[in-house]
Structures are given as structure tokens and as C-alpha cells.
Amino acid sequence: MKRFQESNKIVKLLKCCWYILLPIKWLLYSTIMKFKVFKDEIIDGEMQHTNQFNVIKGKKLWHLLKGDAQLRMGWYYTHEEVMEEMDNKVKKYKENESISG
């Protein structure tokens, strides 16, 4: 399966259908259902499931659902792309710092 960024326009359009579900899922989890994240504990060196959980709401829920949609679309970045973006941001930061300082 190709990455989203490498797909043609028709495939991108079809994959973007996952974004249509975002507001619906967000409303569903915000009103009717709860988006639960269960807490696990390490007991005697083993991971044990507990009945304690956190309920994710608001912006955090939106960002998690958006990330899930992008994962289903195959939208991810390679290590080289991430490092290049970070280098560009560091250069911009240093340029701004030298201009203002």
C-alpha cells in the first residue's frame, strides 16, 4: 500500500473519506459513548489490566481521532522527512534569534 503522499488524486480523494467521519465520531464519543483509556499497572513484574480508566474529551479526543484517520489513510512520514523538517525549523529559529538578538 502506498503512502498517502505518494498516491494519485483519485486515491487521495477516496482516502480522505476517513476525515468525513471525524465530526461524527467526535460527537458520538463526546455525547453518547465515552472514549476510555484503561490504566494498566505492573504487578510482580507483569503488566496487569485494571478497571481504572481515563475518559478522553475535547481537543485531545479530536486529535486522537484525527491521528486514527490519518493512520487508516496511510498518512505517515519517513525518518528522513521528519529530520529534514526538524533541521529547517532549527535553522529558522537560529535565524530569528540572531536577527532579534
N, C-alpha and C. Protein backbone atom coordinates (compact mmCIF):
# COMPACT_ATOMS: atom_id res chain seq x y z
N MET A 1 0.84 -1.18 0.00
CA MET A 1 0.00 0.00 0.00
C MET A 1 0.88 1.24 0.00
N LYS A 2 0.61 2.15 -0.92
CA LYS A 2 1.37 3.38 -1.00
C LYS A 2 1.00 4.32 0.14
N ARG A 3 1.96 5.18 0.47
CA ARG A 3 1.66 6.22 1.44
C ARG A 3 0.67 7.21 0.81
N PHE A 4 -0.03 7.93 1.66
CA PHE A 4 -1.00 8.92 1.19
C PHE A 4 -0.31 9.94 0.29
N GLN A 5 0.88 10.39 0.70
CA GLN A 5 1.59 11.44 -0.04
C GLN A 5 2.00 10.98 -1.44
N GLU A 6 2.16 9.69 -1.66
CA GLU A 6 2.60 9.16 -2.95
C GLU A 6 1.45 8.70 -3.83
N SER A 7 0.22 8.78 -3.35
CA SER A 7 -0.95 8.30 -4.10
C SER A 7 -1.39 9.33 -5.14
N ASN A 8 -2.14 8.86 -6.15
CA ASN A 8 -2.68 9.79 -7.13
C ASN A 8 -3.92 10.49 -6.56
N LYS A 9 -4.47 11.44 -7.31
CA LYS A 9 -5.55 12.29 -6.80
C LYS A 9 -6.82 11.49 -6.49
N ILE A 10 -7.12 10.50 -7.27
CA ILE A 10 -8.34 9.71 -7.05
C ILE A 10 -8.23 8.92 -5.75
N VAL A 11 -7.08 8.29 -5.53
CA VAL A 11 -6.87 7.51 -4.31
C VAL A 11 -6.88 8.43 -3.09
N LYS A 12 -6.26 9.62 -3.22
CA LYS A 12 -6.27 10.59 -2.12
C LYS A 12 -7.69 10.99 -1.76
N LEU A 13 -8.50 11.22 -2.79
CA LEU A 13 -9.89 11.60 -2.55
C LEU A 13 -10.64 10.50 -1.82
N LEU A 14 -10.44 9.26 -2.22
CA LEU A 14 -11.11 8.13 -1.55
C LEU A 14 -10.62 7.97 -0.11
N LYS A 15 -9.32 8.15 0.10
CA LYS A 15 -8.78 8.01 1.44
C LYS A 15 -9.24 9.14 2.36
N CYS A 16 -9.51 10.30 1.80
CA CYS A 16 -9.95 11.44 2.62
C CYS A 16 -11.36 11.22 3.19
N CYS A 17 -12.05 10.19 2.74
CA CYS A 17 -13.36 9.89 3.32
C CYS A 17 -13.27 9.61 4.81
N TRP A 18 -12.08 9.20 5.30
CA TRP A 18 -11.92 8.98 6.74
C TRP A 18 -12.10 10.29 7.50
N TYR A 19 -11.78 11.42 6.86
CA TYR A 19 -11.96 12.72 7.52
C TYR A 19 -13.44 13.06 7.68
N ILE A 20 -14.29 12.55 6.81
CA ILE A 20 -15.73 12.83 6.91
C ILE A 20 -16.29 12.27 8.21
N LEU A 21 -15.73 11.17 8.67
CA LEU A 21 -16.22 10.54 9.89
C LEU A 21 -15.76 11.25 11.18
N LEU A 22 -14.77 12.13 11.08
CA LEU A 22 -14.24 12.78 12.28
C LEU A 22 -15.30 13.49 13.12
N PRO A 23 -16.08 14.42 12.56
CA PRO A 23 -17.07 15.11 13.39
C PRO A 23 -18.13 14.17 13.97
N ILE A 24 -18.49 13.15 13.18
CA ILE A 24 -19.49 12.19 13.65
C ILE A 24 -18.96 11.39 14.84
N LYS A 25 -17.74 10.87 14.70
CA LYS A 25 -17.13 10.12 15.80
C LYS A 25 -16.94 11.00 17.03
N TRP A 26 -16.50 12.26 16.80
CA TRP A 26 -16.24 13.16 17.92
C TRP A 26 -17.54 13.43 18.69
N LEU A 27 -18.63 13.69 17.96
CA LEU A 27 -19.92 13.91 18.62
C LEU A 27 -20.39 12.66 19.35
N LEU A 28 -20.21 11.52 18.73
CA LEU A 28 -20.61 10.26 19.34
C LEU A 28 -19.87 10.02 20.65
N TYR A 29 -18.55 10.16 20.63
CA TYR A 29 -17.76 9.94 21.84
C TYR A 29 -17.92 11.06 22.87
N SER A 30 -18.30 12.25 22.44
CA SER A 30 -18.48 13.36 23.37
C SER A 30 -19.83 13.33 24.07
N THR A 31 -20.84 12.74 23.43
CA THR A 31 -22.19 12.78 24.00
C THR A 31 -22.69 11.42 24.47
N ILE A 32 -22.76 10.46 23.58
CA ILE A 32 -23.40 9.18 23.89
C ILE A 32 -22.44 8.20 24.55
N MET A 33 -21.31 7.97 23.91
CA MET A 33 -20.35 6.99 24.40
C MET A 33 -19.19 7.71 25.09
N LYS A 34 -18.32 6.95 25.72
CA LYS A 34 -17.11 7.51 26.32
C LYS A 34 -15.90 6.87 25.67
N PHE A 35 -14.91 7.68 25.36
CA PHE A 35 -13.64 7.17 24.82
C PHE A 35 -12.76 6.87 26.02
N LYS A 36 -12.69 5.61 26.40
CA LYS A 36 -11.98 5.21 27.62
C LYS A 36 -10.58 4.70 27.30
N VAL A 37 -9.63 5.14 28.10
CA VAL A 37 -8.27 4.63 28.02
C VAL A 37 -7.98 3.99 29.37
N PHE A 38 -7.84 2.67 29.36
CA PHE A 38 -7.66 1.94 30.61
C PHE A 38 -6.23 2.05 31.10
N LYS A 39 -6.08 2.11 32.42
CA LYS A 39 -4.77 2.17 33.05
C LYS A 39 -4.31 0.75 33.36
N ASP A 40 -3.09 0.44 33.01
CA ASP A 40 -2.50 -0.85 33.35
C ASP A 40 -1.40 -0.60 34.38
N GLU A 41 -1.18 -1.56 35.24
CA GLU A 41 -0.14 -1.45 36.27
C GLU A 41 0.79 -2.65 36.17
N ILE A 42 2.03 -2.43 36.58
CA ILE A 42 2.99 -3.53 36.65
C ILE A 42 2.94 -4.10 38.06
N ILE A 43 2.49 -5.34 38.17
CA ILE A 43 2.38 -6.03 39.45
C ILE A 43 3.21 -7.30 39.36
N ASP A 44 4.14 -7.46 40.27
CA ASP A 44 5.04 -8.62 40.28
C ASP A 44 5.77 -8.79 38.95
N GLY A 45 6.16 -7.68 38.33
CA GLY A 45 6.92 -7.72 37.09
C GLY A 45 6.10 -8.00 35.85
N GLU A 46 4.78 -8.11 35.99
CA GLU A 46 3.91 -8.36 34.84
C GLU A 46 2.89 -7.24 34.70
N MET A 47 2.54 -6.94 33.45
CA MET A 47 1.53 -5.92 33.18
C MET A 47 0.16 -6.48 33.49
N GLN A 48 -0.56 -5.82 34.39
CA GLN A 48 -1.89 -6.28 34.80
C GLN A 48 -2.93 -5.23 34.40
N HIS A 49 -4.03 -5.69 33.84
CA HIS A 49 -5.13 -4.81 33.46
C HIS A 49 -5.92 -4.43 34.72
N THR A 50 -6.27 -3.15 34.84
CA THR A 50 -7.09 -2.69 35.96
C THR A 50 -8.42 -2.18 35.43
N ASN A 51 -9.36 -1.94 36.31
CA ASN A 51 -10.66 -1.40 35.90
C ASN A 51 -10.68 0.13 35.95
N GLN A 52 -9.53 0.75 36.25
CA GLN A 52 -9.45 2.21 36.27
C GLN A 52 -9.23 2.71 34.85
N PHE A 53 -9.83 3.85 34.53
CA PHE A 53 -9.66 4.40 33.19
C PHE A 53 -9.78 5.91 33.21
N ASN A 54 -9.26 6.53 32.18
CA ASN A 54 -9.42 7.96 31.93
C ASN A 54 -10.38 8.12 30.76
N VAL A 55 -11.21 9.15 30.80
CA VAL A 55 -12.11 9.45 29.69
C VAL A 55 -11.50 10.63 28.93
N ILE A 56 -11.28 10.42 27.65
CA ILE A 56 -10.68 11.45 26.79
C ILE A 56 -11.81 12.30 26.21
N LYS A 57 -11.67 13.64 26.32
CA LYS A 57 -12.69 14.56 25.81
C LYS A 57 -12.05 15.72 25.07
N GLY A 58 -12.87 16.51 24.43
CA GLY A 58 -12.46 17.79 23.84
C GLY A 58 -11.40 17.68 22.77
N LYS A 59 -10.40 18.60 22.87
CA LYS A 59 -9.35 18.67 21.85
C LYS A 59 -8.53 17.40 21.79
N LYS A 60 -8.25 16.80 22.95
CA LYS A 60 -7.45 15.58 22.95
C LYS A 60 -8.16 14.47 22.18
N LEU A 61 -9.46 14.37 22.35
CA LEU A 61 -10.24 13.37 21.62
C LEU A 61 -10.18 13.65 20.12
N TRP A 62 -10.33 14.91 19.73
CA TRP A 62 -10.28 15.29 18.32
C TRP A 62 -8.94 14.90 17.71
N HIS A 63 -7.84 15.20 18.43
CA HIS A 63 -6.51 14.89 17.92
C HIS A 63 -6.29 13.38 17.80
N LEU A 64 -6.79 12.61 18.75
CA LEU A 64 -6.66 11.15 18.67
C LEU A 64 -7.45 10.59 17.48
N LEU A 65 -8.65 11.10 17.29
CA LEU A 65 -9.47 10.63 16.16
C LEU A 65 -8.85 11.04 14.82
N LYS A 66 -8.28 12.24 14.77
CA LYS A 66 -7.61 12.70 13.56
C LYS A 66 -6.40 11.82 13.26
N GLY A 67 -5.62 11.48 14.29
CA GLY A 67 -4.48 10.59 14.11
C GLY A 67 -4.90 9.22 13.64
N ASP A 68 -6.01 8.72 14.17
CA ASP A 68 -6.53 7.42 13.74
C ASP A 68 -6.93 7.47 12.26
N ALA A 69 -7.58 8.55 11.84
CA ALA A 69 -7.97 8.69 10.44
C ALA A 69 -6.74 8.75 9.54
N GLN A 70 -5.73 9.50 9.96
CA GLN A 70 -4.52 9.60 9.14
C GLN A 70 -3.79 8.27 9.06
N LEU A 71 -3.81 7.50 10.13
CA LEU A 71 -3.20 6.18 10.11
C LEU A 71 -3.92 5.26 9.13
N ARG A 72 -5.24 5.31 9.13
CA ARG A 72 -6.03 4.49 8.21
C ARG A 72 -5.83 4.91 6.75
N MET A 73 -5.52 6.20 6.56
CA MET A 73 -5.28 6.72 5.21
C MET A 73 -3.88 6.38 4.72
N GLY A 74 -3.01 5.91 5.60
CA GLY A 74 -1.63 5.65 5.22
C GLY A 74 -0.80 6.91 5.20
N TRP A 75 -1.19 7.90 6.01
CA TRP A 75 -0.53 9.18 6.05
C TRP A 75 0.54 9.14 7.14
N TYR A 76 1.77 8.91 6.73
CA TYR A 76 2.87 8.90 7.68
C TYR A 76 4.11 9.45 6.99
N TYR A 77 5.09 9.78 7.78
CA TYR A 77 6.32 10.38 7.27
C TYR A 77 7.50 9.46 7.51
N THR A 78 8.46 9.53 6.60
CA THR A 78 9.68 8.75 6.77
C THR A 78 10.61 9.47 7.74
N HIS A 79 11.60 8.76 8.23
CA HIS A 79 12.57 9.34 9.15
C HIS A 79 13.29 10.53 8.50
N GLU A 80 13.64 10.40 7.24
CA GLU A 80 14.34 11.47 6.53
C GLU A 80 13.48 12.73 6.43
N GLU A 81 12.18 12.57 6.16
CA GLU A 81 11.28 13.72 6.07
C GLU A 81 11.17 14.44 7.41
N VAL A 82 11.08 13.67 8.47
CA VAL A 82 10.97 14.27 9.81
C VAL A 82 12.25 15.01 10.16
N MET A 83 13.41 14.40 9.91
CA MET A 83 14.69 15.05 10.23
C MET A 83 14.89 16.31 9.40
N GLU A 84 14.50 16.28 8.14
CA GLU A 84 14.61 17.46 7.28
C GLU A 84 13.74 18.60 7.81
N GLU A 85 12.52 18.28 8.21
CA GLU A 85 11.61 19.29 8.76
C GLU A 85 12.16 19.88 10.06
N MET A 86 12.72 19.02 10.91
CA MET A 86 13.30 19.50 12.16
C MET A 86 14.51 20.40 11.90
N ASP A 87 15.36 20.03 10.94
CA ASP A 87 16.51 20.86 10.60
C ASP A 87 16.07 22.23 10.09
N ASN A 88 15.02 22.25 9.26
CA ASN A 88 14.51 23.53 8.75
C ASN A 88 14.00 24.41 9.88
N LYS A 89 13.30 23.81 10.84
CA LYS A 89 12.78 24.60 11.96
C LYS A 89 13.90 25.12 12.85
N VAL A 90 14.95 24.33 13.03
CA VAL A 90 16.09 24.78 13.83
C VAL A 90 16.79 25.94 13.14
N LYS A 91 16.95 25.85 11.83
CA LYS A 91 17.57 26.94 11.07
C LYS A 91 16.76 28.22 11.18
N LYS A 92 15.43 28.12 11.03
CA LYS A 92 14.57 29.30 11.15
C LYS A 92 14.66 29.91 12.55
N TYR A 93 14.69 29.05 13.56
CA TYR A 93 14.78 29.52 14.94
C TYR A 93 16.09 30.27 15.15
N LYS A 94 17.20 29.72 14.65
CA LYS A 94 18.51 30.37 14.81
C LYS A 94 18.56 31.70 14.06
N GLU A 95 17.96 31.74 12.85
CA GLU A 95 17.92 32.98 12.09
C GLU A 95 17.12 34.05 12.83
N ASN A 96 15.97 33.70 13.36
CA ASN A 96 15.15 34.65 14.11
C ASN A 96 15.85 35.09 15.37
N GLU A 97 16.57 34.19 16.02
CA GLU A 97 17.27 34.52 17.24
C GLU A 97 18.42 35.49 16.96
N SER A 98 19.13 35.28 15.86
CA SER A 98 20.26 36.16 15.50
C SER A 98 19.77 37.54 15.07
N ILE A 99 18.61 37.61 14.43
CA ILE A 99 18.04 38.89 13.99
C ILE A 99 17.56 39.70 15.19
N SER A 100 16.86 39.04 16.11
CA SER A 100 16.31 39.75 17.28
C SER A 100 17.34 39.99 18.35
N GLY A 101 18.40 39.18 18.40
CA GLY A 101 19.39 39.26 19.47
C GLY A 101 20.56 40.04 19.08
